[in-house]
Structures are given as structure tokens and as C-alpha cells.
N, C-alpha and C. Protein backbone atom coordinates (compact mmCIF):
# COMPACT_ATOMS: atom_id res chain seq x y z
N MET A 1 -15.45 35.97 51.04
CA MET A 1 -14.26 36.51 51.69
C MET A 1 -13.66 37.70 50.93
N SER A 2 -13.95 37.77 49.59
CA SER A 2 -13.39 38.87 48.77
C SER A 2 -14.46 39.31 47.77
N PRO A 3 -15.48 40.00 48.25
CA PRO A 3 -16.60 40.36 47.37
C PRO A 3 -16.22 41.21 46.17
N ASP A 4 -15.25 42.12 46.33
CA ASP A 4 -14.83 42.93 45.17
C ASP A 4 -14.22 42.07 44.08
N PHE A 5 -13.39 41.10 44.50
CA PHE A 5 -12.78 40.20 43.51
C PHE A 5 -13.86 39.35 42.84
N LEU A 6 -14.83 38.90 43.61
CA LEU A 6 -15.92 38.05 43.06
C LEU A 6 -16.71 38.85 42.02
N ARG A 7 -17.04 40.09 42.36
CA ARG A 7 -17.80 40.90 41.39
C ARG A 7 -17.00 41.14 40.13
N ALA A 8 -15.70 41.39 40.29
CA ALA A 8 -14.86 41.59 39.12
C ALA A 8 -14.78 40.33 38.27
N TYR A 9 -14.69 39.18 38.92
CA TYR A 9 -14.65 37.90 38.19
C TYR A 9 -15.96 37.67 37.43
N LEU A 10 -17.08 37.93 38.09
CA LEU A 10 -18.36 37.70 37.43
C LEU A 10 -18.52 38.62 36.21
N ASP A 11 -18.05 39.86 36.30
CA ASP A 11 -18.08 40.73 35.13
C ASP A 11 -17.19 40.18 34.01
N PHE A 12 -16.04 39.64 34.41
CA PHE A 12 -15.06 39.08 33.46
C PHE A 12 -15.65 37.91 32.68
N VAL A 13 -16.31 36.97 33.39
CA VAL A 13 -16.84 35.80 32.72
C VAL A 13 -18.14 36.08 31.97
N ALA A 14 -18.83 37.15 32.34
CA ALA A 14 -20.09 37.47 31.68
C ALA A 14 -19.91 38.19 30.36
N ALA A 15 -18.74 38.80 30.16
CA ALA A 15 -18.54 39.66 28.97
C ALA A 15 -18.85 38.95 27.65
N PRO A 16 -18.32 37.73 27.40
CA PRO A 16 -18.59 37.12 26.11
C PRO A 16 -20.07 36.76 25.89
N TRP A 17 -20.83 36.64 26.98
CA TRP A 17 -22.24 36.34 26.83
C TRP A 17 -23.03 37.58 26.47
N LYS A 18 -22.44 38.77 26.67
CA LYS A 18 -23.12 40.00 26.31
C LYS A 18 -22.87 40.37 24.84
N SER A 19 -21.71 40.00 24.31
CA SER A 19 -21.40 40.38 22.93
C SER A 19 -22.16 39.56 21.92
N ARG A 20 -22.40 38.29 22.22
CA ARG A 20 -23.29 37.44 21.41
C ARG A 20 -22.90 37.33 19.94
N HIS A 21 -21.64 37.11 19.69
CA HIS A 21 -21.20 36.88 18.30
C HIS A 21 -21.28 35.39 17.94
N LEU A 22 -21.28 34.53 18.93
CA LEU A 22 -21.41 33.07 18.71
C LEU A 22 -22.78 32.61 19.12
N GLU A 23 -23.25 31.55 18.44
CA GLU A 23 -24.48 30.90 18.88
C GLU A 23 -24.32 30.42 20.31
N PRO A 24 -25.40 30.49 21.13
CA PRO A 24 -25.29 30.01 22.52
C PRO A 24 -24.77 28.57 22.63
N LYS A 25 -25.22 27.68 21.73
CA LYS A 25 -24.74 26.28 21.85
C LYS A 25 -23.27 26.17 21.48
N VAL A 26 -22.78 27.07 20.59
CA VAL A 26 -21.36 27.04 20.24
C VAL A 26 -20.53 27.47 21.45
N ARG A 27 -21.03 28.45 22.21
CA ARG A 27 -20.35 28.83 23.45
C ARG A 27 -20.24 27.63 24.39
N GLU A 28 -21.30 26.86 24.48
CA GLU A 28 -21.28 25.67 25.33
C GLU A 28 -20.29 24.65 24.78
N PHE A 29 -20.18 24.53 23.48
CA PHE A 29 -19.18 23.62 22.88
C PHE A 29 -17.77 24.02 23.29
N VAL A 30 -17.52 25.32 23.32
CA VAL A 30 -16.19 25.80 23.74
C VAL A 30 -15.92 25.37 25.18
N TYR A 31 -16.91 25.56 26.05
CA TYR A 31 -16.73 25.16 27.44
C TYR A 31 -16.56 23.65 27.60
N ILE A 32 -17.31 22.88 26.82
CA ILE A 32 -17.18 21.41 26.85
C ILE A 32 -15.75 21.03 26.46
N ALA A 33 -15.23 21.64 25.42
CA ALA A 33 -13.89 21.32 24.96
C ALA A 33 -12.84 21.62 26.02
N ILE A 34 -12.96 22.79 26.65
CA ILE A 34 -11.95 23.18 27.64
C ILE A 34 -12.07 22.30 28.89
N ASP A 35 -13.29 22.10 29.38
CA ASP A 35 -13.46 21.28 30.58
C ASP A 35 -13.07 19.82 30.36
N GLY A 36 -13.21 19.34 29.12
CA GLY A 36 -12.88 17.95 28.83
C GLY A 36 -11.46 17.73 28.34
N SER A 37 -10.71 18.80 28.16
CA SER A 37 -9.35 18.65 27.61
C SER A 37 -8.45 18.00 28.66
N VAL A 38 -7.43 17.32 28.16
CA VAL A 38 -6.54 16.55 29.04
C VAL A 38 -5.79 17.45 30.03
N THR A 39 -5.66 18.73 29.71
CA THR A 39 -4.96 19.65 30.62
C THR A 39 -5.88 20.22 31.70
N HIS A 40 -7.16 19.86 31.65
CA HIS A 40 -8.11 20.43 32.60
C HIS A 40 -8.94 19.32 33.32
N LEU A 41 -9.70 18.56 32.52
CA LEU A 41 -10.48 17.44 33.06
C LEU A 41 -11.36 17.84 34.23
N TYR A 42 -12.21 18.83 34.03
CA TYR A 42 -13.13 19.33 35.06
C TYR A 42 -14.49 18.70 34.84
N GLU A 43 -14.72 17.60 35.51
CA GLU A 43 -15.91 16.76 35.24
C GLU A 43 -17.22 17.48 35.54
N ARG A 44 -17.27 18.23 36.63
CA ARG A 44 -18.53 18.89 37.00
C ARG A 44 -18.90 19.95 35.96
N GLY A 45 -17.92 20.73 35.51
CA GLY A 45 -18.19 21.72 34.47
C GLY A 45 -18.55 21.08 33.14
N LEU A 46 -17.87 19.99 32.82
CA LEU A 46 -18.16 19.26 31.59
C LEU A 46 -19.61 18.78 31.58
N ARG A 47 -20.04 18.21 32.68
CA ARG A 47 -21.43 17.72 32.79
C ARG A 47 -22.41 18.88 32.65
N ARG A 48 -22.14 20.00 33.34
CA ARG A 48 -23.06 21.14 33.31
C ARG A 48 -23.19 21.71 31.89
N HIS A 49 -22.08 21.82 31.18
CA HIS A 49 -22.13 22.43 29.84
C HIS A 49 -22.71 21.47 28.79
N ILE A 50 -22.52 20.19 28.97
CA ILE A 50 -23.19 19.22 28.07
C ILE A 50 -24.70 19.33 28.27
N GLU A 51 -25.16 19.39 29.52
CA GLU A 51 -26.59 19.52 29.78
C GLU A 51 -27.13 20.80 29.18
N ARG A 52 -26.38 21.89 29.34
CA ARG A 52 -26.83 23.17 28.81
C ARG A 52 -26.87 23.16 27.29
N ALA A 53 -25.87 22.54 26.65
CA ALA A 53 -25.86 22.44 25.19
C ALA A 53 -27.08 21.68 24.67
N LEU A 54 -27.42 20.59 25.36
CA LEU A 54 -28.61 19.83 24.97
C LEU A 54 -29.88 20.67 25.11
N GLU A 55 -29.96 21.43 26.18
CA GLU A 55 -31.11 22.32 26.39
C GLU A 55 -31.23 23.33 25.27
N LEU A 56 -30.09 23.76 24.73
CA LEU A 56 -30.06 24.75 23.66
C LEU A 56 -30.27 24.15 22.27
N GLY A 57 -30.51 22.84 22.20
CA GLY A 57 -30.82 22.20 20.93
C GLY A 57 -29.66 21.47 20.29
N ALA A 58 -28.52 21.38 20.95
CA ALA A 58 -27.41 20.61 20.37
C ALA A 58 -27.78 19.14 20.31
N THR A 59 -27.30 18.46 19.29
CA THR A 59 -27.55 17.04 19.16
C THR A 59 -26.47 16.24 19.84
N GLN A 60 -26.76 14.96 20.07
CA GLN A 60 -25.78 14.06 20.65
C GLN A 60 -24.54 13.96 19.74
N ASP A 61 -24.76 13.92 18.43
CA ASP A 61 -23.66 13.80 17.49
C ASP A 61 -22.76 15.03 17.49
N GLU A 62 -23.36 16.22 17.66
CA GLU A 62 -22.56 17.43 17.74
C GLU A 62 -21.66 17.41 18.98
N ILE A 63 -22.25 17.05 20.11
CA ILE A 63 -21.48 17.00 21.36
C ILE A 63 -20.39 15.93 21.27
N LEU A 64 -20.72 14.80 20.68
CA LEU A 64 -19.73 13.73 20.52
C LEU A 64 -18.57 14.22 19.67
N GLN A 65 -18.85 14.98 18.61
CA GLN A 65 -17.74 15.48 17.79
C GLN A 65 -16.89 16.48 18.56
N VAL A 66 -17.49 17.31 19.40
CA VAL A 66 -16.71 18.22 20.24
C VAL A 66 -15.74 17.41 21.12
N ILE A 67 -16.24 16.33 21.70
CA ILE A 67 -15.40 15.50 22.58
C ILE A 67 -14.29 14.84 21.76
N GLU A 68 -14.60 14.35 20.57
CA GLU A 68 -13.57 13.73 19.73
C GLU A 68 -12.50 14.73 19.31
N LEU A 69 -12.93 15.96 18.97
CA LEU A 69 -11.96 17.00 18.61
C LEU A 69 -11.06 17.33 19.80
N THR A 70 -11.66 17.34 20.98
CA THR A 70 -10.92 17.60 22.20
C THR A 70 -9.87 16.52 22.43
N CYS A 71 -10.25 15.27 22.24
CA CYS A 71 -9.30 14.17 22.41
C CYS A 71 -8.18 14.26 21.39
N SER A 72 -8.48 14.70 20.20
CA SER A 72 -7.49 14.65 19.13
C SER A 72 -6.37 15.64 19.34
N THR A 73 -6.54 16.61 20.25
CA THR A 73 -5.46 17.55 20.48
C THR A 73 -4.32 16.96 21.30
N GLY A 74 -4.43 15.70 21.70
CA GLY A 74 -3.32 15.02 22.35
C GLY A 74 -2.10 14.95 21.46
N HIS A 75 -2.28 15.15 20.15
CA HIS A 75 -1.14 15.12 19.25
C HIS A 75 -0.18 16.28 19.49
N ASN A 76 -0.64 17.30 20.23
CA ASN A 76 0.23 18.47 20.48
C ASN A 76 1.52 18.05 21.15
N THR A 77 1.46 17.04 22.02
CA THR A 77 2.66 16.56 22.71
C THR A 77 3.71 16.16 21.71
N HIS A 78 3.31 15.31 20.76
CA HIS A 78 4.27 14.79 19.79
C HIS A 78 4.70 15.88 18.82
N GLU A 79 3.75 16.73 18.40
CA GLU A 79 4.08 17.79 17.45
C GLU A 79 5.08 18.77 18.05
N LEU A 80 4.88 19.17 19.32
CA LEU A 80 5.80 20.09 19.95
C LEU A 80 7.17 19.45 20.13
N GLY A 81 7.16 18.24 20.65
CA GLY A 81 8.45 17.54 20.89
C GLY A 81 9.22 17.29 19.61
N MET A 82 8.52 16.90 18.52
CA MET A 82 9.19 16.64 17.26
C MET A 82 9.75 17.96 16.66
N SER A 83 9.03 19.04 16.85
CA SER A 83 9.52 20.33 16.34
C SER A 83 10.83 20.72 17.02
N VAL A 84 10.89 20.52 18.33
CA VAL A 84 12.11 20.81 19.07
C VAL A 84 13.24 19.88 18.64
N LEU A 85 12.91 18.58 18.53
CA LEU A 85 13.92 17.63 18.07
C LEU A 85 14.49 18.01 16.72
N LEU A 86 13.59 18.37 15.82
CA LEU A 86 14.03 18.75 14.47
C LEU A 86 14.94 19.97 14.49
N ASP A 87 14.57 20.98 15.29
CA ASP A 87 15.40 22.17 15.38
C ASP A 87 16.79 21.82 15.91
N GLU A 88 16.82 20.97 16.94
CA GLU A 88 18.11 20.62 17.52
C GLU A 88 18.95 19.80 16.54
N MET A 89 18.32 18.91 15.78
CA MET A 89 19.05 18.12 14.82
C MET A 89 19.59 18.98 13.68
N LYS A 90 18.82 19.98 13.25
CA LYS A 90 19.28 20.87 12.18
C LYS A 90 20.49 21.68 12.62
N GLN A 91 20.46 22.09 13.89
CA GLN A 91 21.62 22.84 14.40
C GLN A 91 22.87 21.95 14.44
N ALA A 92 22.66 20.69 14.74
CA ALA A 92 23.79 19.76 14.83
C ALA A 92 24.30 19.34 13.45
N SER A 93 23.38 19.27 12.45
CA SER A 93 23.76 18.84 11.12
C SER A 93 22.87 19.44 10.06
N PRO A 94 23.39 20.32 9.20
CA PRO A 94 22.59 20.94 8.15
C PRO A 94 22.01 19.92 7.18
N ALA A 95 22.59 18.75 7.09
CA ALA A 95 22.10 17.75 6.13
C ALA A 95 20.75 17.18 6.54
N VAL A 96 20.35 17.37 7.79
CA VAL A 96 19.09 16.79 8.26
C VAL A 96 17.91 17.32 7.45
N LYS A 97 17.85 18.61 7.19
CA LYS A 97 16.73 19.21 6.44
C LYS A 97 16.61 18.58 5.07
N ALA A 98 17.69 18.42 4.38
CA ALA A 98 17.68 17.84 3.02
C ALA A 98 17.21 16.39 3.07
N ASP A 99 17.62 15.66 4.11
CA ASP A 99 17.24 14.25 4.23
C ASP A 99 15.74 14.10 4.43
N ILE A 100 15.15 14.96 5.25
CA ILE A 100 13.72 14.88 5.53
C ILE A 100 12.90 15.32 4.33
N ALA A 101 13.44 16.28 3.56
CA ALA A 101 12.69 16.81 2.41
C ALA A 101 12.44 15.77 1.34
N GLN A 102 13.25 14.70 1.32
CA GLN A 102 13.12 13.65 0.27
C GLN A 102 12.12 12.59 0.70
N LEU A 103 10.81 12.90 0.63
CA LEU A 103 9.80 11.92 1.02
C LEU A 103 9.70 10.85 -0.07
N THR A 104 9.45 9.63 0.38
CA THR A 104 9.19 8.54 -0.57
C THR A 104 7.80 8.70 -1.17
N PRO A 105 7.49 8.06 -2.27
CA PRO A 105 6.14 8.14 -2.83
C PRO A 105 5.05 7.72 -1.81
N GLN A 106 5.33 6.72 -1.01
CA GLN A 106 4.35 6.27 -0.01
C GLN A 106 4.16 7.37 1.07
N GLU A 107 5.26 7.96 1.50
CA GLU A 107 5.16 9.03 2.49
C GLU A 107 4.41 10.21 1.91
N ARG A 108 4.71 10.57 0.66
CA ARG A 108 4.00 11.66 0.01
C ARG A 108 2.50 11.39 -0.07
N ARG A 109 2.13 10.12 -0.38
CA ARG A 109 0.70 9.77 -0.48
C ARG A 109 0.01 9.94 0.88
N ARG A 110 0.67 9.47 1.96
CA ARG A 110 0.07 9.60 3.28
C ARG A 110 -0.09 11.06 3.68
N LYS A 111 0.89 11.85 3.32
CA LYS A 111 0.82 13.30 3.61
C LYS A 111 -0.35 13.92 2.84
N ASP A 112 -0.49 13.61 1.56
CA ASP A 112 -1.57 14.17 0.76
C ASP A 112 -2.94 13.74 1.28
N GLU A 113 -3.06 12.47 1.74
CA GLU A 113 -4.31 11.99 2.29
C GLU A 113 -4.71 12.77 3.55
N TYR A 114 -3.71 13.03 4.38
CA TYR A 114 -3.98 13.76 5.63
C TYR A 114 -4.41 15.20 5.33
N ILE A 115 -3.71 15.84 4.42
CA ILE A 115 -4.05 17.22 4.06
C ILE A 115 -5.47 17.29 3.46
N ALA A 116 -5.82 16.30 2.66
CA ALA A 116 -7.17 16.26 2.08
C ALA A 116 -8.23 16.12 3.15
N ALA A 117 -7.92 15.38 4.22
CA ALA A 117 -8.91 15.12 5.26
C ALA A 117 -9.00 16.28 6.25
N VAL A 118 -7.86 16.83 6.66
CA VAL A 118 -7.81 17.79 7.76
C VAL A 118 -7.64 19.23 7.26
N GLY A 119 -7.01 19.40 6.11
CA GLY A 119 -6.86 20.73 5.55
C GLY A 119 -5.54 21.40 5.80
N HIS A 120 -4.66 20.74 6.55
CA HIS A 120 -3.33 21.32 6.79
C HIS A 120 -2.37 20.20 7.16
N TRP A 121 -1.11 20.54 7.28
CA TRP A 121 -0.08 19.58 7.60
C TRP A 121 0.79 20.15 8.72
N PRO A 122 1.02 19.39 9.81
CA PRO A 122 1.85 19.93 10.88
C PRO A 122 3.24 20.27 10.37
N GLU A 123 3.85 21.30 10.95
CA GLU A 123 5.16 21.74 10.51
C GLU A 123 6.21 20.62 10.63
N CYS A 124 6.03 19.75 11.63
CA CYS A 124 7.01 18.67 11.83
C CYS A 124 6.54 17.39 11.17
N GLY A 125 5.48 17.44 10.35
CA GLY A 125 4.89 16.23 9.79
C GLY A 125 5.86 15.37 8.97
N ASP A 126 6.67 16.04 8.16
CA ASP A 126 7.63 15.28 7.34
C ASP A 126 8.61 14.51 8.23
N ALA A 127 9.01 15.15 9.34
CA ALA A 127 9.95 14.47 10.26
C ALA A 127 9.28 13.29 10.95
N VAL A 128 8.01 13.43 11.28
CA VAL A 128 7.28 12.31 11.89
C VAL A 128 7.21 11.14 10.92
N LEU A 129 6.92 11.43 9.67
CA LEU A 129 6.88 10.38 8.64
C LEU A 129 8.21 9.62 8.58
N ARG A 130 9.30 10.37 8.70
CA ARG A 130 10.62 9.77 8.55
C ARG A 130 11.06 9.02 9.80
N TYR A 131 10.81 9.58 10.98
CA TYR A 131 11.39 9.03 12.21
C TYR A 131 10.42 8.19 13.05
N ALA A 132 9.13 8.26 12.75
CA ALA A 132 8.15 7.47 13.52
C ALA A 132 7.13 6.85 12.57
N PRO A 133 7.57 6.02 11.59
CA PRO A 133 6.64 5.50 10.59
C PRO A 133 5.55 4.61 11.19
N GLU A 134 5.85 3.91 12.27
CA GLU A 134 4.83 3.06 12.88
C GLU A 134 3.76 3.88 13.58
N PHE A 135 4.16 5.05 14.04
CA PHE A 135 3.26 5.93 14.81
C PHE A 135 2.36 6.76 13.90
N ILE A 136 2.89 7.14 12.75
CA ILE A 136 2.24 8.14 11.92
C ILE A 136 0.86 7.70 11.43
N GLY A 137 0.71 6.42 11.09
CA GLY A 137 -0.59 5.95 10.57
C GLY A 137 -1.69 6.15 11.60
N GLY A 138 -1.44 5.72 12.83
CA GLY A 138 -2.44 5.89 13.89
C GLY A 138 -2.70 7.34 14.19
N LEU A 139 -1.64 8.15 14.23
CA LEU A 139 -1.79 9.58 14.51
C LEU A 139 -2.63 10.26 13.45
N LEU A 140 -2.31 10.01 12.19
CA LEU A 140 -3.03 10.67 11.12
C LEU A 140 -4.52 10.26 11.10
N ARG A 141 -4.77 8.99 11.32
CA ARG A 141 -6.16 8.55 11.32
C ARG A 141 -6.91 9.13 12.52
N PHE A 142 -6.27 9.11 13.70
CA PHE A 142 -6.89 9.65 14.89
C PHE A 142 -7.25 11.12 14.70
N ARG A 143 -6.36 11.88 14.09
CA ARG A 143 -6.62 13.29 13.85
C ARG A 143 -7.68 13.49 12.78
N SER A 144 -7.59 12.74 11.69
CA SER A 144 -8.47 13.02 10.55
C SER A 144 -9.89 12.59 10.81
N VAL A 145 -10.11 11.49 11.55
CA VAL A 145 -11.49 11.05 11.81
C VAL A 145 -12.25 12.12 12.58
N ALA A 146 -11.65 12.64 13.64
CA ALA A 146 -12.33 13.63 14.46
C ALA A 146 -12.61 14.90 13.68
N TRP A 147 -11.71 15.27 12.77
CA TRP A 147 -11.88 16.54 12.02
C TRP A 147 -12.71 16.35 10.77
N ASN A 148 -12.83 15.12 10.27
CA ASN A 148 -13.48 14.89 9.00
C ASN A 148 -14.93 14.44 9.15
N ALA A 149 -15.22 13.66 10.19
CA ALA A 149 -16.57 13.13 10.36
C ALA A 149 -17.35 14.00 11.35
N GLY A 150 -18.68 13.90 11.28
CA GLY A 150 -19.50 14.60 12.25
C GLY A 150 -20.19 15.81 11.66
N PRO A 151 -21.18 16.35 12.40
CA PRO A 151 -22.03 17.39 11.86
C PRO A 151 -21.56 18.84 12.01
N LEU A 152 -20.52 19.07 12.78
CA LEU A 152 -20.11 20.46 13.03
C LEU A 152 -19.54 21.12 11.77
N GLU A 153 -19.89 22.35 11.56
CA GLU A 153 -19.37 23.07 10.39
C GLU A 153 -17.88 23.36 10.61
N PRO A 154 -17.12 23.46 9.53
CA PRO A 154 -15.66 23.62 9.64
C PRO A 154 -15.24 24.77 10.54
N LYS A 155 -15.92 25.89 10.45
CA LYS A 155 -15.54 27.03 11.27
C LYS A 155 -15.67 26.73 12.75
N VAL A 156 -16.71 26.03 13.13
CA VAL A 156 -16.92 25.69 14.54
C VAL A 156 -15.86 24.72 15.02
N LYS A 157 -15.43 23.79 14.15
CA LYS A 157 -14.36 22.88 14.50
C LYS A 157 -13.08 23.65 14.80
N GLU A 158 -12.82 24.69 14.02
CA GLU A 158 -11.62 25.52 14.29
C GLU A 158 -11.77 26.26 15.62
N PHE A 159 -12.97 26.69 15.94
CA PHE A 159 -13.20 27.35 17.24
C PHE A 159 -12.88 26.39 18.40
N ILE A 160 -13.26 25.13 18.25
CA ILE A 160 -12.98 24.14 19.29
C ILE A 160 -11.47 23.96 19.45
N GLY A 161 -10.77 23.79 18.33
CA GLY A 161 -9.32 23.65 18.38
C GLY A 161 -8.65 24.87 18.96
N LEU A 162 -9.13 26.05 18.60
CA LEU A 162 -8.58 27.31 19.11
C LEU A 162 -8.77 27.39 20.62
N ALA A 163 -9.97 27.08 21.11
CA ALA A 163 -10.25 27.17 22.54
C ALA A 163 -9.33 26.29 23.35
N ILE A 164 -9.13 25.06 22.90
CA ILE A 164 -8.28 24.13 23.67
C ILE A 164 -6.85 24.61 23.68
N ASN A 165 -6.36 25.10 22.55
CA ASN A 165 -4.97 25.53 22.49
C ASN A 165 -4.73 26.86 23.21
N ALA A 166 -5.78 27.69 23.32
CA ALA A 166 -5.64 29.01 23.94
C ALA A 166 -5.95 28.99 25.43
N ALA A 167 -6.54 27.91 25.94
CA ALA A 167 -6.93 27.85 27.34
C ALA A 167 -5.72 28.06 28.26
N PRO A 168 -5.94 28.65 29.44
CA PRO A 168 -4.83 28.91 30.37
C PRO A 168 -4.04 27.65 30.74
N THR A 169 -4.67 26.49 30.64
CA THR A 169 -3.96 25.25 30.97
C THR A 169 -3.16 24.70 29.81
N SER A 170 -3.22 25.36 28.64
CA SER A 170 -2.47 24.89 27.48
C SER A 170 -1.53 25.96 26.92
N LEU A 171 -2.08 27.06 26.45
CA LEU A 171 -1.29 28.18 25.89
C LEU A 171 -0.29 27.70 24.86
N HIS A 172 -0.82 26.94 23.88
CA HIS A 172 0.01 26.38 22.81
C HIS A 172 -0.06 27.35 21.62
N GLU A 173 0.97 28.21 21.49
CA GLU A 173 0.93 29.29 20.51
C GLU A 173 0.79 28.80 19.08
N ALA A 174 1.54 27.78 18.72
CA ALA A 174 1.47 27.28 17.34
C ALA A 174 0.06 26.80 17.01
N GLY A 175 -0.58 26.11 17.94
CA GLY A 175 -1.95 25.66 17.72
C GLY A 175 -2.92 26.83 17.63
N VAL A 176 -2.77 27.81 18.51
CA VAL A 176 -3.62 29.01 18.46
C VAL A 176 -3.50 29.68 17.09
N ARG A 177 -2.29 29.86 16.64
CA ARG A 177 -2.04 30.54 15.37
C ARG A 177 -2.67 29.78 14.19
N SER A 178 -2.46 28.46 14.15
CA SER A 178 -2.97 27.69 13.02
C SER A 178 -4.50 27.65 12.99
N HIS A 179 -5.14 27.57 14.17
CA HIS A 179 -6.59 27.53 14.20
C HIS A 179 -7.20 28.90 13.87
N ILE A 180 -6.57 29.98 14.32
CA ILE A 180 -7.04 31.31 13.96
C ILE A 180 -6.90 31.51 12.43
N ARG A 181 -5.77 31.11 11.87
CA ARG A 181 -5.56 31.26 10.43
C ARG A 181 -6.65 30.52 9.65
N ARG A 182 -6.93 29.28 10.04
CA ARG A 182 -7.93 28.51 9.28
C ARG A 182 -9.34 29.03 9.53
N ALA A 183 -9.62 29.51 10.75
CA ALA A 183 -10.93 30.08 11.03
C ALA A 183 -11.18 31.29 10.15
N LEU A 184 -10.17 32.17 10.02
CA LEU A 184 -10.32 33.34 9.15
C LEU A 184 -10.52 32.91 7.70
N GLN A 185 -9.80 31.91 7.26
CA GLN A 185 -9.97 31.42 5.89
C GLN A 185 -11.37 30.86 5.66
N LEU A 186 -11.99 30.38 6.72
CA LEU A 186 -13.33 29.81 6.62
C LEU A 186 -14.44 30.85 6.85
N GLY A 187 -14.04 32.11 6.97
CA GLY A 187 -15.02 33.19 7.08
C GLY A 187 -15.33 33.65 8.49
N ALA A 188 -14.62 33.19 9.48
CA ALA A 188 -14.86 33.64 10.86
C ALA A 188 -14.49 35.11 10.95
N THR A 189 -15.23 35.84 11.78
CA THR A 189 -14.96 37.26 12.00
C THR A 189 -14.01 37.42 13.19
N PRO A 190 -13.30 38.55 13.24
CA PRO A 190 -12.45 38.83 14.40
C PRO A 190 -13.26 38.82 15.70
N GLU A 191 -14.52 39.27 15.64
CA GLU A 191 -15.37 39.29 16.83
C GLU A 191 -15.67 37.88 17.32
N GLU A 192 -15.94 36.96 16.39
CA GLU A 192 -16.17 35.56 16.78
C GLU A 192 -14.94 34.95 17.41
N ILE A 193 -13.80 35.17 16.78
CA ILE A 193 -12.55 34.60 17.31
C ILE A 193 -12.24 35.19 18.68
N SER A 194 -12.44 36.51 18.83
CA SER A 194 -12.23 37.14 20.11
C SER A 194 -13.15 36.53 21.19
N GLU A 195 -14.36 36.23 20.81
CA GLU A 195 -15.29 35.66 21.80
C GLU A 195 -14.84 34.28 22.23
N VAL A 196 -14.34 33.48 21.29
CA VAL A 196 -13.78 32.18 21.67
C VAL A 196 -12.68 32.35 22.67
N LEU A 197 -11.79 33.30 22.41
CA LEU A 197 -10.66 33.55 23.33
C LEU A 197 -11.14 34.06 24.69
N GLN A 198 -12.18 34.86 24.69
CA GLN A 198 -12.75 35.35 25.95
C GLN A 198 -13.29 34.18 26.79
N LEU A 199 -14.03 33.29 26.12
CA LEU A 199 -14.58 32.11 26.80
C LEU A 199 -13.47 31.22 27.34
N ALA A 200 -12.44 31.03 26.52
CA ALA A 200 -11.31 30.18 26.94
C ALA A 200 -10.59 30.75 28.16
N SER A 201 -10.41 32.09 28.16
CA SER A 201 -9.66 32.70 29.25
C SER A 201 -10.42 32.64 30.56
N ALA A 202 -11.73 32.58 30.47
CA ALA A 202 -12.55 32.56 31.71
C ALA A 202 -12.67 31.17 32.31
């Protein structure tokens, strides 16, 4: 019904496949992550890209880790909400910041364990430790297992996190920023990061 639009779309989605800064199977990992994310859940695309990744030599364990990383981004809900709650509480009472800053030795240990496993600490992490102590253990383990175990190299794990956070169905700026920062620290090139973003946008 709209051939000009279709041609333009096909050129748009083909662009990252022409630049070839990422391994073909890593491109498929990006698509698996986006199609399998809770904000998208596109089963037909997920199936197609898993099949294609296997054809390109990806292992079952690699694909499983992509899926686990995709699941672990469910923490964005709590992280975003807690950040807003914290901002609102600070505006209501300046003493809130000082109260949260005083972590107990046990809280400090849990924080250090998480940073050792995942490599970073959410901005609202101290507040979660203080206000949701029953929740934090499960959250930290859920996040750290997916990021710590499995065969994917660290840079590729950051690409997966970046793709999910940058996808049109998510657009989570804080997540995009943190994954780009860590990808650069791990040696990713601007061209590789741009290609992840191109794949996510399509």
C-alpha cells in the first residue's frame, strides 16, 4: 500500500548490517534481547533470531545468558521508582540523604558483594538497602547471577543491556547511559555502540 515507505524502512533496517562492526551472532543477540524484553515480547521475532543465532554458531549457553540478561532488566521498574521516591523525600526533608548515607556494616557488605559481581551500583541502591531490606537480597542475586555467570564477554553483556534500555519500547536514559559508560570502559568502540543503537531502533 505504501511502497516508498517500505523501501525507506528496508534501507533503515539494513544499515547496521552493512557497517559490520559487530559479529553477526552478536547482532542476533541484540534482536533476541529486544524481542524477548518485557516491553516487547515479540515471540515470532524471538524465535527467528534464536534460530539465526544458532545457525551462526552461537551456543545454547550464550543464548540462555542473553535471555537471562534480558529478564534481569525488570529491576528498572524498582530502580526508577526508588530514584523518584528518593528525590521527593529529599525535597521534603534534607535529613533523608544523611540517614541513607549511614549504611550498617551488613548493608555495606551486601553493597560491596554486588559491586564485585556486577561492576556497578544503582544510584538508588543505598535507599533500596534501607527501605526494602527483604527485597534487596533477591534483587541483587537476580541481577548478579545473570551478569556474572555464562560465556558472554563483558562488552557483549553491556551491548545487551544497552539494546534493551535504548529500544523504542523502553527509552530508559539512565540505563542507556550506564551501559554505554561501561561498554566504553571495556574497550567498545563508538562504531560498535552506534550499531547496537541502530539495531535497537529498527
